[in-house]
Amino acid sequence: MVDLTKIILIPEPSRDILNQREAVDYESHRRKYLSWLLTFGKNPDHADGYAQATISKRAYRIDKFYRWVWGQEDRYTTDVLASARILLIILQSLRISLDNSFNLINYWLLLSASD
C-alpha cells in the first residue's frame, strides 16, 4: 500500500473552488494518480515509482494544471487529456520545455483511458 499521508491530496486553492461532491471525486482521482506515480511513475514497464519527496513537490504543480483546465473549460473535470495535448502543442510550438510532471499526467491519463 502506498503512503499518501505526507502529500496534500487537495491543496487549499482547489478546495476553495470545488463543491463537496467535486472535492470527493477529485480526492479519489488524485489518490489513484499519486499512488500510480509512487508505484509506477518513473518507469511503468518495471513498476519503478518516484520517491515520496519528489511526488510531494510535483503534486502541487499537477493540481495547478488541473485548476488551469477548470478555468479554461469553466467547469470541474478530471478528464484533462484533451487540454493536456493542446497545452503540449502550444508549449512545443513556443519551444518551452516541460518538466516531467506534465508528461506524467499525459502518460497516466492515456493508461487510465484504456481501462
PDB file of N, CA and C in Angstrom:
ATOM      1  N   MET A   1       0.839  -1.187   0.000  1.00  0.00           N
ATOM      2  CA  MET A   1       0.000   0.000   0.000  1.00  0.00           C
ATOM      3  C   MET A   1       0.883   1.249   0.000  1.00  0.00           C
ATOM      4  N   VAL A   2       0.508   2.226  -0.750  1.00  0.00           N
ATOM      5  CA  VAL A   2       1.257   3.464  -0.881  1.00  0.00           C
ATOM      6  C   VAL A   2       0.852   4.423   0.235  1.00  0.00           C
ATOM      7  N   ASP A   3       1.843   5.088   0.819  1.00  0.00           N
ATOM      8  CA  ASP A   3       1.581   6.044   1.898  1.00  0.00           C
ATOM      9  C   ASP A   3       1.449   7.451   1.319  1.00  0.00           C
ATOM     10  N   LEU A   4       0.238   7.983   1.360  1.00  0.00           N
ATOM     11  CA  LEU A   4      -0.018   9.331   0.858  1.00  0.00           C
ATOM     12  C   LEU A   4      -0.235  10.332   1.988  1.00  0.00           C
ATOM     13  N   THR A   5       0.053   9.951   3.220  1.00  0.00           N
ATOM     14  CA  THR A   5      -0.261  10.812   4.364  1.00  0.00           C
ATOM     15  C   THR A   5       0.527  12.115   4.370  1.00  0.00           C
ATOM     16  N   LYS A   6       1.691  12.141   3.743  1.00  0.00           N
ATOM     17  CA  LYS A   6       2.504  13.359   3.739  1.00  0.00           C
ATOM     18  C   LYS A   6       2.273  14.221   2.496  1.00  0.00           C
ATOM     19  N   ILE A   7       1.337  13.824   1.669  1.00  0.00           N
ATOM     20  CA  ILE A   7       1.021  14.570   0.451  1.00  0.00           C
ATOM     21  C   ILE A   7      -0.366  15.179   0.602  1.00  0.00           C
ATOM     22  N   ILE A   8      -0.472  16.460   0.311  1.00  0.00           N
ATOM     23  CA  ILE A   8      -1.771  17.127   0.374  1.00  0.00           C
ATOM     24  C   ILE A   8      -2.565  16.715  -0.860  1.00  0.00           C
ATOM     25  N   LEU A   9      -3.652  15.999  -0.642  1.00  0.00           N
ATOM     26  CA  LEU A   9      -4.437  15.500  -1.777  1.00  0.00           C
ATOM     27  C   LEU A   9      -5.202  16.612  -2.473  1.00  0.00           C
ATOM     28  N   ILE A  10      -5.779  17.525  -1.716  1.00  0.00           N
ATOM     29  CA  ILE A  10      -6.480  18.657  -2.327  1.00  0.00           C
ATOM     30  C   ILE A  10      -5.911  19.941  -1.727  1.00  0.00           C
ATOM     31  N   PRO A  11      -5.002  20.605  -2.445  1.00  0.00           N
ATOM     32  CA  PRO A  11      -4.455  21.865  -1.949  1.00  0.00           C
ATOM     33  C   PRO A  11      -5.558  22.916  -1.752  1.00  0.00           C
ATOM     34  N   GLU A  12      -5.303  23.839  -0.873  1.00  0.00           N
ATOM     35  CA  GLU A  12      -6.295  24.848  -0.498  1.00  0.00           C
ATOM     36  C   GLU A  12      -6.900  25.593  -1.696  1.00  0.00           C
ATOM     37  N   PRO A  13      -6.092  26.023  -2.692  1.00  0.00           N
ATOM     38  CA  PRO A  13      -6.710  26.732  -3.822  1.00  0.00           C
ATOM     39  C   PRO A  13      -7.793  25.904  -4.533  1.00  0.00           C
ATOM     40  N   SER A  14      -7.588  24.608  -4.638  1.00  0.00           N
ATOM     41  CA  SER A  14      -8.601  23.753  -5.271  1.00  0.00           C
ATOM     42  C   SER A  14      -9.779  23.525  -4.338  1.00  0.00           C
ATOM     43  N   ARG A  15      -9.485  23.301  -3.070  1.00  0.00           N
ATOM     44  CA  ARG A  15     -10.556  23.083  -2.090  1.00  0.00           C
ATOM     45  C   ARG A  15     -11.508  24.286  -2.057  1.00  0.00           C
ATOM     46  N   ASP A  16     -10.946  25.477  -2.253  1.00  0.00           N
ATOM     47  CA  ASP A  16     -11.758  26.698  -2.214  1.00  0.00           C
ATOM     48  C   ASP A  16     -12.752  26.796  -3.366  1.00  0.00           C
ATOM     49  N   ILE A  17     -12.464  26.152  -4.489  1.00  0.00           N
ATOM     50  CA  ILE A  17     -13.352  26.304  -5.648  1.00  0.00           C
ATOM     51  C   ILE A  17     -14.221  25.080  -5.930  1.00  0.00           C
ATOM     52  N   LEU A  18     -13.943  23.963  -5.262  1.00  0.00           N
ATOM     53  CA  LEU A  18     -14.724  22.746  -5.502  1.00  0.00           C
ATOM     54  C   LEU A  18     -15.880  22.632  -4.522  1.00  0.00           C
ATOM     55  N   ASN A  19     -17.018  22.149  -5.020  1.00  0.00           N
ATOM     56  CA  ASN A  19     -18.098  21.838  -4.084  1.00  0.00           C
ATOM     57  C   ASN A  19     -17.791  20.481  -3.445  1.00  0.00           C
ATOM     58  N   GLN A  20     -18.620  20.049  -2.526  1.00  0.00           N
ATOM     59  CA  GLN A  20     -18.329  18.833  -1.767  1.00  0.00           C
ATOM     60  C   GLN A  20     -18.239  17.594  -2.664  1.00  0.00           C
ATOM     61  N   ARG A  21     -19.164  17.457  -3.588  1.00  0.00           N
ATOM     62  CA  ARG A  21     -19.151  16.296  -4.488  1.00  0.00           C
ATOM     63  C   ARG A  21     -17.891  16.296  -5.355  1.00  0.00           C
ATOM     64  N   GLU A  22     -17.542  17.464  -5.894  1.00  0.00           N
ATOM     65  CA  GLU A  22     -16.341  17.576  -6.720  1.00  0.00           C
ATOM     66  C   GLU A  22     -15.080  17.282  -5.900  1.00  0.00           C
ATOM     67  N   ALA A  23     -15.047  17.761  -4.667  1.00  0.00           N
ATOM     68  CA  ALA A  23     -13.882  17.528  -3.803  1.00  0.00           C
ATOM     69  C   ALA A  23     -13.692  16.039  -3.527  1.00  0.00           C
ATOM     70  N   VAL A  24     -14.783  15.328  -3.286  1.00  0.00           N
ATOM     71  CA  VAL A  24     -14.697  13.881  -3.050  1.00  0.00           C
ATOM     72  C   VAL A  24     -14.184  13.181  -4.311  1.00  0.00           C
ATOM     73  N   ASP A  25     -14.721  13.560  -5.458  1.00  0.00           N
ATOM     74  CA  ASP A  25     -14.292  12.964  -6.723  1.00  0.00           C
ATOM     75  C   ASP A  25     -12.828  13.282  -7.013  1.00  0.00           C
ATOM     76  N   TYR A  26     -12.444  14.539  -6.827  1.00  0.00           N
ATOM     77  CA  TYR A  26     -11.071  14.962  -7.107  1.00  0.00           C
ATOM     78  C   TYR A  26     -10.085  14.271  -6.163  1.00  0.00           C
ATOM     79  N   GLU A  27     -10.455  14.134  -4.896  1.00  0.00           N
ATOM     80  CA  GLU A  27      -9.579  13.442  -3.947  1.00  0.00           C
ATOM     81  C   GLU A  27      -9.366  11.987  -4.367  1.00  0.00           C
ATOM     82  N   SER A  28     -10.417  11.332  -4.799  1.00  0.00           N
ATOM     83  CA  SER A  28     -10.305   9.948  -5.266  1.00  0.00           C
ATOM     84  C   SER A  28      -9.404   9.868  -6.499  1.00  0.00           C
ATOM     85  N   HIS A  29      -9.603  10.789  -7.426  1.00  0.00           N
ATOM     86  CA  HIS A  29      -8.798  10.848  -8.645  1.00  0.00           C
ATOM     87  C   HIS A  29      -7.325  11.075  -8.303  1.00  0.00           C
ATOM     88  N   ARG A  30      -7.060  12.038  -7.433  1.00  0.00           N
ATOM     89  CA  ARG A  30      -5.684  12.351  -7.033  1.00  0.00           C
ATOM     90  C   ARG A  30      -5.044  11.173  -6.295  1.00  0.00           C
ATOM     91  N   ARG A  31      -5.811  10.530  -5.438  1.00  0.00           N
ATOM     92  CA  ARG A  31      -5.288   9.388  -4.684  1.00  0.00           C
ATOM     93  C   ARG A  31      -4.812   8.295  -5.661  1.00  0.00           C
ATOM     94  N   LYS A  32      -5.621   8.006  -6.673  1.00  0.00           N
ATOM     95  CA  LYS A  32      -5.242   6.991  -7.666  1.00  0.00           C
ATOM     96  C   LYS A  32      -4.006   7.424  -8.456  1.00  0.00           C
ATOM     97  N   TYR A  33      -4.012   8.682  -8.906  1.00  0.00           N
ATOM     98  CA  TYR A  33      -2.913   9.178  -9.726  1.00  0.00           C
ATOM     99  C   TYR A  33      -1.604   9.237  -8.941  1.00  0.00           C
ATOM    100  N   LEU A  34      -1.645   9.797  -7.740  1.00  0.00           N
ATOM    101  CA  LEU A  34      -0.425   9.912  -6.948  1.00  0.00           C
ATOM    102  C   LEU A  34       0.090   8.536  -6.522  1.00  0.00           C
ATOM    103  N   SER A  35      -0.812   7.612  -6.254  1.00  0.00           N
ATOM    104  CA  SER A  35      -0.405   6.234  -5.944  1.00  0.00           C
ATOM    105  C   SER A  35       0.293   5.609  -7.144  1.00  0.00           C
ATOM    106  N   TRP A  36      -0.249   5.867  -8.327  1.00  0.00           N
ATOM    107  CA  TRP A  36       0.372   5.355  -9.548  1.00  0.00           C
ATOM    108  C   TRP A  36       1.778   5.932  -9.713  1.00  0.00           C
ATOM    109  N   LEU A  37       1.939   7.237  -9.477  1.00  0.00           N
ATOM    110  CA  LEU A  37       3.260   7.854  -9.597  1.00  0.00           C
ATOM    111  C   LEU A  37       4.262   7.231  -8.628  1.00  0.00           C
ATOM    112  N   LEU A  38       3.812   6.985  -7.410  1.00  0.00           N
ATOM    113  CA  LEU A  38       4.695   6.411  -6.394  1.00  0.00           C
ATOM    114  C   LEU A  38       5.041   4.950  -6.687  1.00  0.00           C
ATOM    115  N   THR A  39       4.170   4.263  -7.396  1.00  0.00           N
ATOM    116  CA  THR A  39       4.376   2.843  -7.674  1.00  0.00           C
ATOM    117  C   THR A  39       5.005   2.586  -9.044  1.00  0.00           C
ATOM    118  N   PHE A  40       4.574   3.327 -10.062  1.00  0.00           N
ATOM    119  CA  PHE A  40       4.986   3.054 -11.439  1.00  0.00           C
ATOM    120  C   PHE A  40       5.585   4.247 -12.183  1.00  0.00           C
ATOM    121  N   GLY A  41       5.388   5.455 -11.702  1.00  0.00           N
ATOM    122  CA  GLY A  41       5.625   6.676 -12.464  1.00  0.00           C
ATOM    123  C   GLY A  41       6.976   6.866 -13.102  1.00  0.00           C
ATOM    124  N   LYS A  42       8.040   6.451 -12.460  1.00  0.00           N
ATOM    125  CA  LYS A  42       9.374   6.664 -13.018  1.00  0.00           C
ATOM    126  C   LYS A  42       9.624   5.746 -14.211  1.00  0.00           C
ATOM    127  N   ASN A  43       9.221   4.498 -14.076  1.00  0.00           N
ATOM    128  CA  ASN A  43       9.408   3.529 -15.153  1.00  0.00           C
ATOM    129  C   ASN A  43       8.266   2.515 -15.094  1.00  0.00           C
ATOM    130  N   PRO A  44       7.145   2.814 -15.754  1.00  0.00           N
ATOM    131  CA  PRO A  44       5.973   1.940 -15.680  1.00  0.00           C
ATOM    132  C   PRO A  44       6.234   0.504 -16.119  1.00  0.00           C
ATOM    133  N   ASP A  45       7.135   0.310 -17.069  1.00  0.00           N
ATOM    134  CA  ASP A  45       7.412  -1.045 -17.549  1.00  0.00           C
ATOM    135  C   ASP A  45       8.073  -1.924 -16.487  1.00  0.00           C
ATOM    136  N   HIS A  46       8.733  -1.287 -15.532  1.00  0.00           N
ATOM    137  CA  HIS A  46       9.431  -2.033 -14.482  1.00  0.00           C
ATOM    138  C   HIS A  46       8.838  -1.785 -13.096  1.00  0.00           C
ATOM    139  N   ALA A  47       7.661  -1.177 -13.039  1.00  0.00           N
ATOM    140  CA  ALA A  47       6.995  -0.867 -11.765  1.00  0.00           C
ATOM    141  C   ALA A  47       7.945  -0.143 -10.813  1.00  0.00           C
ATOM    142  N   ASP A  48       8.604   0.874 -11.358  1.00  0.00           N
ATOM    143  CA  ASP A  48       9.547   1.678 -10.584  1.00  0.00           C
ATOM    144  C   ASP A  48       8.928   3.051 -10.367  1.00  0.00           C
ATOM    145  N   GLY A  49       8.594   3.360  -9.128  1.00  0.00           N
ATOM    146  CA  GLY A  49       7.935   4.621  -8.829  1.00  0.00           C
ATOM    147  C   GLY A  49       8.894   5.695  -8.358  1.00  0.00           C
ATOM    148  N   TYR A  50       8.350   6.895  -8.235  1.00  0.00           N
ATOM    149  CA  TYR A  50       9.110   8.035  -7.731  1.00  0.00           C
ATOM    150  C   TYR A  50       9.142   8.031  -6.215  1.00  0.00           C
ATOM    151  N   ALA A  51      10.118   8.741  -5.660  1.00  0.00           N
ATOM    152  CA  ALA A  51      10.211   8.921  -4.214  1.00  0.00           C
ATOM    153  C   ALA A  51       9.089   9.847  -3.751  1.00  0.00           C
ATOM    154  N   GLN A  52       8.676   9.672  -2.522  1.00  0.00           N
ATOM    155  CA  GLN A  52       7.585  10.477  -1.984  1.00  0.00           C
ATOM    156  C   GLN A  52       7.931  11.968  -1.983  1.00  0.00           C
ATOM    157  N   ALA A  53       9.172  12.322  -1.687  1.00  0.00           N
ATOM    158  CA  ALA A  53       9.570  13.731  -1.684  1.00  0.00           C
ATOM    159  C   ALA A  53       9.409  14.348  -3.075  1.00  0.00           C
ATOM    160  N   THR A  54       9.724  13.590  -4.097  1.00  0.00           N
ATOM    161  CA  THR A  54       9.570  14.065  -5.477  1.00  0.00           C
ATOM    162  C   THR A  54       8.103  14.298  -5.800  1.00  0.00           C
ATOM    163  N   ILE A  55       7.263  13.349  -5.441  1.00  0.00           N
ATOM    164  CA  ILE A  55       5.838  13.453  -5.751  1.00  0.00           C
ATOM    165  C   ILE A  55       5.173  14.550  -4.935  1.00  0.00           C
ATOM    166  N   SER A  56       5.627  14.774  -3.722  1.00  0.00           N
ATOM    167  CA  SER A  56       5.064  15.856  -2.905  1.00  0.00           C
ATOM    168  C   SER A  56       5.210  17.193  -3.617  1.00  0.00           C
ATOM    169  N   LYS A  57       6.367  17.416  -4.239  1.00  0.00           N
ATOM    170  CA  LYS A  57       6.605  18.668  -4.964  1.00  0.00           C
ATOM    171  C   LYS A  57       5.786  18.723  -6.255  1.00  0.00           C
ATOM    172  N   ARG A  58       5.748  17.626  -6.970  1.00  0.00           N
ATOM    173  CA  ARG A  58       5.023  17.616  -8.246  1.00  0.00           C
ATOM    174  C   ARG A  58       3.516  17.680  -8.058  1.00  0.00           C
ATOM    175  N   ALA A  59       3.029  17.153  -6.953  1.00  0.00           N
ATOM    176  CA  ALA A  59       1.584  17.102  -6.721  1.00  0.00           C
ATOM    177  C   ALA A  59       0.971  18.494  -6.770  1.00  0.00           C
ATOM    178  N   TYR A  60       1.660  19.483  -6.242  1.00  0.00           N
ATOM    179  CA  TYR A  60       1.119  20.843  -6.262  1.00  0.00           C
ATOM    180  C   TYR A  60       1.087  21.385  -7.688  1.00  0.00           C
ATOM    181  N   ARG A  61       2.150  21.164  -8.457  1.00  0.00           N
ATOM    182  CA  ARG A  61       2.170  21.660  -9.845  1.00  0.00           C
ATOM    183  C   ARG A  61       1.096  20.976 -10.687  1.00  0.00           C
ATOM    184  N   ILE A  62       0.893  19.702 -10.444  1.00  0.00           N
ATOM    185  CA  ILE A  62      -0.145  18.967 -11.172  1.00  0.00           C
ATOM    186  C   ILE A  62      -1.523  19.511 -10.821  1.00  0.00           C
ATOM    187  N   ASP A  63      -1.744  19.800  -9.540  1.00  0.00           N
ATOM    188  CA  ASP A  63      -3.007  20.394  -9.110  1.00  0.00           C
ATOM    189  C   ASP A  63      -3.218  21.749  -9.790  1.00  0.00           C
ATOM    190  N   LYS A  64      -2.163  22.515  -9.910  1.00  0.00           N
ATOM    191  CA  LYS A  64      -2.254  23.823 -10.566  1.00  0.00           C
ATOM    192  C   LYS A  64      -2.690  23.659 -12.025  1.00  0.00           C
ATOM    193  N   PHE A  65      -2.186  22.624 -12.699  1.00  0.00           N
ATOM    194  CA  PHE A  65      -2.598  22.361 -14.075  1.00  0.00           C
ATOM    195  C   PHE A  65      -4.091  22.036 -14.142  1.00  0.00           C
ATOM    196  N   TYR A  66      -4.565  21.213 -13.225  1.00  0.00           N
ATOM    197  CA  TYR A  66      -5.993  20.885 -13.204  1.00  0.00           C
ATOM    198  C   TYR A  66      -6.829  22.148 -13.006  1.00  0.00           C
ATOM    199  N   ARG A  67      -6.409  23.032 -12.111  1.00  0.00           N
ATOM    200  CA  ARG A  67      -7.154  24.286 -11.909  1.00  0.00           C
ATOM    201  C   ARG A  67      -7.155  25.123 -13.184  1.00  0.00           C
ATOM    202  N   TRP A  68      -6.053  25.112 -13.920  1.00  0.00           N
ATOM    203  CA  TRP A  68      -5.996  25.838 -15.185  1.00  0.00           C
ATOM    204  C   TRP A  68      -7.029  25.264 -16.158  1.00  0.00           C
ATOM    205  N   VAL A  69      -7.115  23.942 -16.245  1.00  0.00           N
ATOM    206  CA  VAL A  69      -8.095  23.293 -17.122  1.00  0.00           C
ATOM    207  C   VAL A  69      -9.506  23.689 -16.708  1.00  0.00           C
ATOM    208  N   TRP A  70      -9.796  23.659 -15.411  1.00  0.00           N
ATOM    209  CA  TRP A  70     -11.139  24.029 -14.944  1.00  0.00           C
ATOM    210  C   TRP A  70     -11.472  25.455 -15.357  1.00  0.00           C
ATOM    211  N   GLY A  71     -10.483  26.337 -15.291  1.00  0.00           N
ATOM    212  CA  GLY A  71     -10.706  27.719 -15.710  1.00  0.00           C
ATOM    213  C   GLY A  71     -10.948  27.825 -17.207  1.00  0.00           C
ATOM    214  N   GLN A  72     -10.197  27.064 -17.990  1.00  0.00           N
ATOM    215  CA  GLN A  72     -10.361  27.088 -19.442  1.00  0.00           C
ATOM    216  C   GLN A  72     -11.711  26.526 -19.864  1.00  0.00           C
ATOM    217  N   GLU A  73     -12.147  25.481 -19.197  1.00  0.00           N
ATOM    218  CA  GLU A  73     -13.410  24.832 -19.557  1.00  0.00           C
ATOM    219  C   GLU A  73     -14.595  25.387 -18.774  1.00  0.00           C
ATOM    220  N   ASP A  74     -14.315  26.243 -17.821  1.00  0.00           N
ATOM    221  CA  ASP A  74     -15.345  26.851 -16.975  1.00  0.00           C
ATOM    222  C   ASP A  74     -16.194  25.790 -16.272  1.00  0.00           C
ATOM    223  N   ARG A  75     -15.532  24.699 -15.859  1.00  0.00           N
ATOM    224  CA  ARG A  75     -16.219  23.626 -15.147  1.00  0.00           C
ATOM    225  C   ARG A  75     -15.180  22.700 -14.534  1.00  0.00           C
ATOM    226  N   TYR A  76     -15.620  21.920 -13.552  1.00  0.00           N
ATOM    227  CA  TYR A  76     -14.768  20.905 -12.935  1.00  0.00           C
ATOM    228  C   TYR A  76     -14.747  19.657 -13.818  1.00  0.00           C
ATOM    229  N   THR A  77     -13.573  19.077 -13.981  1.00  0.00           N
ATOM    230  CA  THR A  77     -13.425  17.816 -14.691  1.00  0.00           C
ATOM    231  C   THR A  77     -12.105  17.169 -14.283  1.00  0.00           C
ATOM    232  N   THR A  78     -12.060  15.859 -14.339  1.00  0.00           N
ATOM    233  CA  THR A  78     -10.780  15.168 -14.185  1.00  0.00           C
ATOM    234  C   THR A  78     -10.307  14.636 -15.536  1.00  0.00           C
ATOM    235  N   ASP A  79     -11.095  14.849 -16.565  1.00  0.00           N
ATOM    236  CA  ASP A  79     -10.744  14.429 -17.917  1.00  0.00           C
ATOM    237  C   ASP A  79      -9.983  15.570 -18.587  1.00  0.00           C
ATOM    238  N   VAL A  80      -8.684  15.595 -18.367  1.00  0.00           N
ATOM    239  CA  VAL A  80      -7.879  16.719 -18.845  1.00  0.00           C
ATOM    240  C   VAL A  80      -6.984  16.343 -20.024  1.00  0.00           C
ATOM    241  N   LEU A  81      -7.203  15.182 -20.596  1.00  0.00           N
ATOM    242  CA  LEU A  81      -6.331  14.702 -21.664  1.00  0.00           C
ATOM    243  C   LEU A  81      -6.314  15.644 -22.868  1.00  0.00           C
ATOM    244  N   ALA A  82      -7.467  16.078 -23.331  1.00  0.00           N
ATOM    245  CA  ALA A  82      -7.507  16.975 -24.493  1.00  0.00           C
ATOM    246  C   ALA A  82      -6.795  18.287 -24.181  1.00  0.00           C
ATOM    247  N   SER A  83      -7.044  18.839 -23.003  1.00  0.00           N
ATOM    248  CA  SER A  83      -6.378  20.085 -22.610  1.00  0.00           C
ATOM    249  C   SER A  83      -4.876  19.885 -22.487  1.00  0.00           C
ATOM    250  N   ALA A  84      -4.467  18.731 -21.978  1.00  0.00           N
ATOM    251  CA  ALA A  84      -3.038  18.439 -21.844  1.00  0.00           C
ATOM    252  C   ALA A  84      -2.378  18.395 -23.216  1.00  0.00           C
ATOM    253  N   ARG A  85      -3.046  17.789 -24.171  1.00  0.00           N
ATOM    254  CA  ARG A  85      -2.477  17.708 -25.524  1.00  0.00           C
ATOM    255  C   ARG A  85      -2.400  19.086 -26.173  1.00  0.00           C
ATOM    256  N   ILE A  86      -3.430  19.897 -25.995  1.00  0.00           N
ATOM    257  CA  ILE A  86      -3.424  21.253 -26.558  1.00  0.00           C
ATOM    258  C   ILE A  86      -2.298  22.071 -25.947  1.00  0.00           C
ATOM    259  N   LEU A  87      -2.173  22.013 -24.619  1.00  0.00           N
ATOM    260  CA  LEU A  87      -1.112  22.753 -23.945  1.00  0.00           C
ATOM    261  C   LEU A  87       0.258  22.276 -24.410  1.00  0.00           C
ATOM    262  N   LEU A  88       0.427  20.986 -24.580  1.00  0.00           N
ATOM    263  CA  LEU A  88       1.698  20.440 -25.050  1.00  0.00           C
ATOM    264  C   LEU A  88       2.045  20.993 -26.426  1.00  0.00           C
ATOM    265  N   ILE A  89       1.084  21.040 -27.326  1.00  0.00           N
ATOM    266  CA  ILE A  89       1.316  21.575 -28.674  1.00  0.00           C
ATOM    267  C   ILE A  89       1.705  23.048 -28.604  1.00  0.00           C
ATOM    268  N   ILE A  90       0.991  23.816 -27.785  1.00  0.00           N
ATOM    269  CA  ILE A  90       1.295  25.245 -27.641  1.00  0.00           C
ATOM    270  C   ILE A  90       2.706  25.439 -27.103  1.00  0.00           C
ATOM    271  N   LEU A  91       3.035  24.730 -26.038  1.00  0.00           N
ATOM    272  CA  LEU A  91       4.352  24.894 -25.428  1.00  0.00           C
ATOM    273  C   LEU A  91       5.466  24.438 -26.360  1.00  0.00           C
ATOM    274  N   GLN A  92       5.233  23.354 -27.084  1.00  0.00           N
ATOM    275  CA  GLN A  92       6.251  22.895 -28.031  1.00  0.00           C
ATOM    276  C   GLN A  92       6.433  23.898 -29.161  1.00  0.00           C
ATOM    277  N   SER A  93       5.344  24.508 -29.619  1.00  0.00           N
ATOM    278  CA  SER A  93       5.459  25.493 -30.694  1.00  0.00           C
ATOM    279  C   SER A  93       6.211  26.736 -30.221  1.00  0.00           C
ATOM    280  N   LEU A  94       6.137  27.017 -28.920  1.00  0.00           N
ATOM    281  CA  LEU A  94       6.874  28.143 -28.348  1.00  0.00           C
ATOM    282  C   LEU A  94       8.265  27.728 -27.872  1.00  0.00           C
ATOM    283  N   ARG A  95       8.584  26.462 -28.090  1.00  0.00           N
ATOM    284  CA  ARG A  95       9.865  25.884 -27.683  1.00  0.00           C
ATOM    285  C   ARG A  95      10.096  26.004 -26.174  1.00  0.00           C
ATOM    286  N   ILE A  96       9.036  25.831 -25.434  1.00  0.00           N
ATOM    287  CA  ILE A  96       9.113  25.835 -23.975  1.00  0.00           C
ATOM    288  C   ILE A  96       9.173  24.386 -23.522  1.00  0.00           C
ATOM    289  N   SER A  97      10.203  24.068 -22.769  1.00  0.00           N
ATOM    290  CA  SER A  97      10.321  22.687 -22.298  1.00  0.00           C
ATOM    291  C   SER A  97       9.428  22.480 -21.083  1.00  0.00           C
ATOM    292  N   LEU A  98       8.994  21.264 -20.934  1.00  0.00           N
ATOM    293  CA  LEU A  98       8.114  20.910 -19.829  1.00  0.00           C
ATOM    294  C   LEU A  98       8.888  20.130 -18.792  1.00  0.00           C
ATOM    295  N   ASP A  99       8.511  20.305 -17.538  1.00  0.00           N
ATOM    296  CA  ASP A  99       9.098  19.398 -16.557  1.00  0.00           C
ATOM    297  C   ASP A  99       8.379  18.063 -16.682  1.00  0.00           C
ATOM    298  N   ASN A 100       8.882  17.084 -16.034  1.00  0.00           N
ATOM    299  CA  ASN A 100       8.363  15.730 -16.171  1.00  0.00           C
ATOM    300  C   ASN A 100       6.935  15.586 -15.652  1.00  0.00           C
ATOM    301  N   SER A 101       6.482  16.508 -14.795  1.00  0.00           N
ATOM    302  CA  SER A 101       5.130  16.413 -14.235  1.00  0.00           C
ATOM    303  C   SER A 101       4.076  16.363 -15.333  1.00  0.00           C
ATOM    304  N   PHE A 102       4.229  17.213 -16.334  1.00  0.00           N
ATOM    305  CA  PHE A 102       3.238  17.272 -17.399  1.00  0.00           C
ATOM    306  C   PHE A 102       3.224  15.978 -18.201  1.00  0.00           C
ATOM    307  N   ASN A 103       4.403  15.470 -18.519  1.00  0.00           N
ATOM    308  CA  ASN A 103       4.469  14.216 -19.267  1.00  0.00           C
ATOM    309  C   ASN A 103       3.854  13.070 -18.480  1.00  0.00           C
ATOM    310  N   LEU A 104       4.031  13.085 -17.167  1.00  0.00           N
ATOM    311  CA  LEU A 104       3.443  12.043 -16.326  1.00  0.00           C
ATOM    312  C   LEU A 104       1.930  12.119 -16.325  1.00  0.00           C
ATOM    313  N   ILE A 105       1.377  13.329 -16.324  1.00  0.00           N
ATOM    314  CA  ILE A 105      -0.081  13.482 -16.399  1.00  0.00           C
ATOM    315  C   ILE A 105      -0.579  12.845 -17.688  1.00  0.00           C
ATOM    316  N   ASN A 106       0.050  13.201 -18.785  1.00  0.00           N
ATOM    317  CA  ASN A 106      -0.368  12.707 -20.090  1.00  0.00           C
ATOM    318  C   ASN A 106      -0.283  11.180 -20.152  1.00  0.00           C
ATOM    319  N   TYR A 107       0.819  10.615 -19.686  1.00  0.00           N
ATOM    320  CA  TYR A 107       1.007   9.160 -19.734  1.00  0.00           C
ATOM    321  C   TYR A 107      -0.042   8.447 -18.890  1.00  0.00           C
ATOM    322  N   TRP A 108      -0.253   8.940 -17.665  1.00  0.00           N
ATOM    323  CA  TRP A 108      -1.215   8.292 -16.779  1.00  0.00           C
ATOM    324  C   TRP A 108      -2.633   8.398 -17.336  1.00  0.00           C
ATOM    325  N   LEU A 109      -2.974   9.545 -17.903  1.00  0.00           N
ATOM    326  CA  LEU A 109      -4.312   9.706 -18.471  1.00  0.00           C
ATOM    327  C   LEU A 109      -4.527   8.763 -19.648  1.00  0.00           C
ATOM    328  N   LEU A 110      -3.505   8.566 -20.440  1.00  0.00           N
ATOM    329  CA  LEU A 110      -3.628   7.617 -21.547  1.00  0.00           C
ATOM    330  C   LEU A 110      -3.857   6.203 -21.028  1.00  0.00           C
ATOM    331  N   LEU A 111      -3.136   5.824 -19.990  1.00  0.00           N
ATOM    332  CA  LEU A 111      -3.334   4.500 -19.397  1.00  0.00           C
ATOM    333  C   LEU A 111      -4.724   4.373 -18.791  1.00  0.00           C
ATOM    334  N   SER A 112      -5.173   5.420 -18.110  1.00  0.00           N
ATOM    335  CA  SER A 112      -6.493   5.395 -17.469  1.00  0.00           C
ATOM    336  C   SER A 112      -7.606   5.298 -18.501  1.00  0.00           C
ATOM    337  N   ALA A 113      -7.412   5.955 -19.635  1.00  0.00           N
ATOM    338  CA  ALA A 113      -8.442   5.953 -20.672  1.00  0.00           C
ATOM    339  C   ALA A 113      -8.622   4.562 -21.270  1.00  0.00           C
ATOM    340  N   SER A 114      -7.579   3.752 -21.217  1.00  0.00           N
ATOM    341  CA  SER A 114      -7.677   2.417 -21.809  1.00  0.00           C
ATOM    342  C   SER A 114      -8.298   1.400 -20.861  1.00  0.00           C
ATOM    343  N   ASP A 115      -8.502   1.777 -19.594  1.00  0.00           N
ATOM    344  CA  ASP A 115      -9.117   0.856 -18.612  1.00  0.00           C
ATOM    345  C   ASP A 115     -10.586   0.646 -18.873  1.00  0.00           C
TER     346      ASP A 115
END
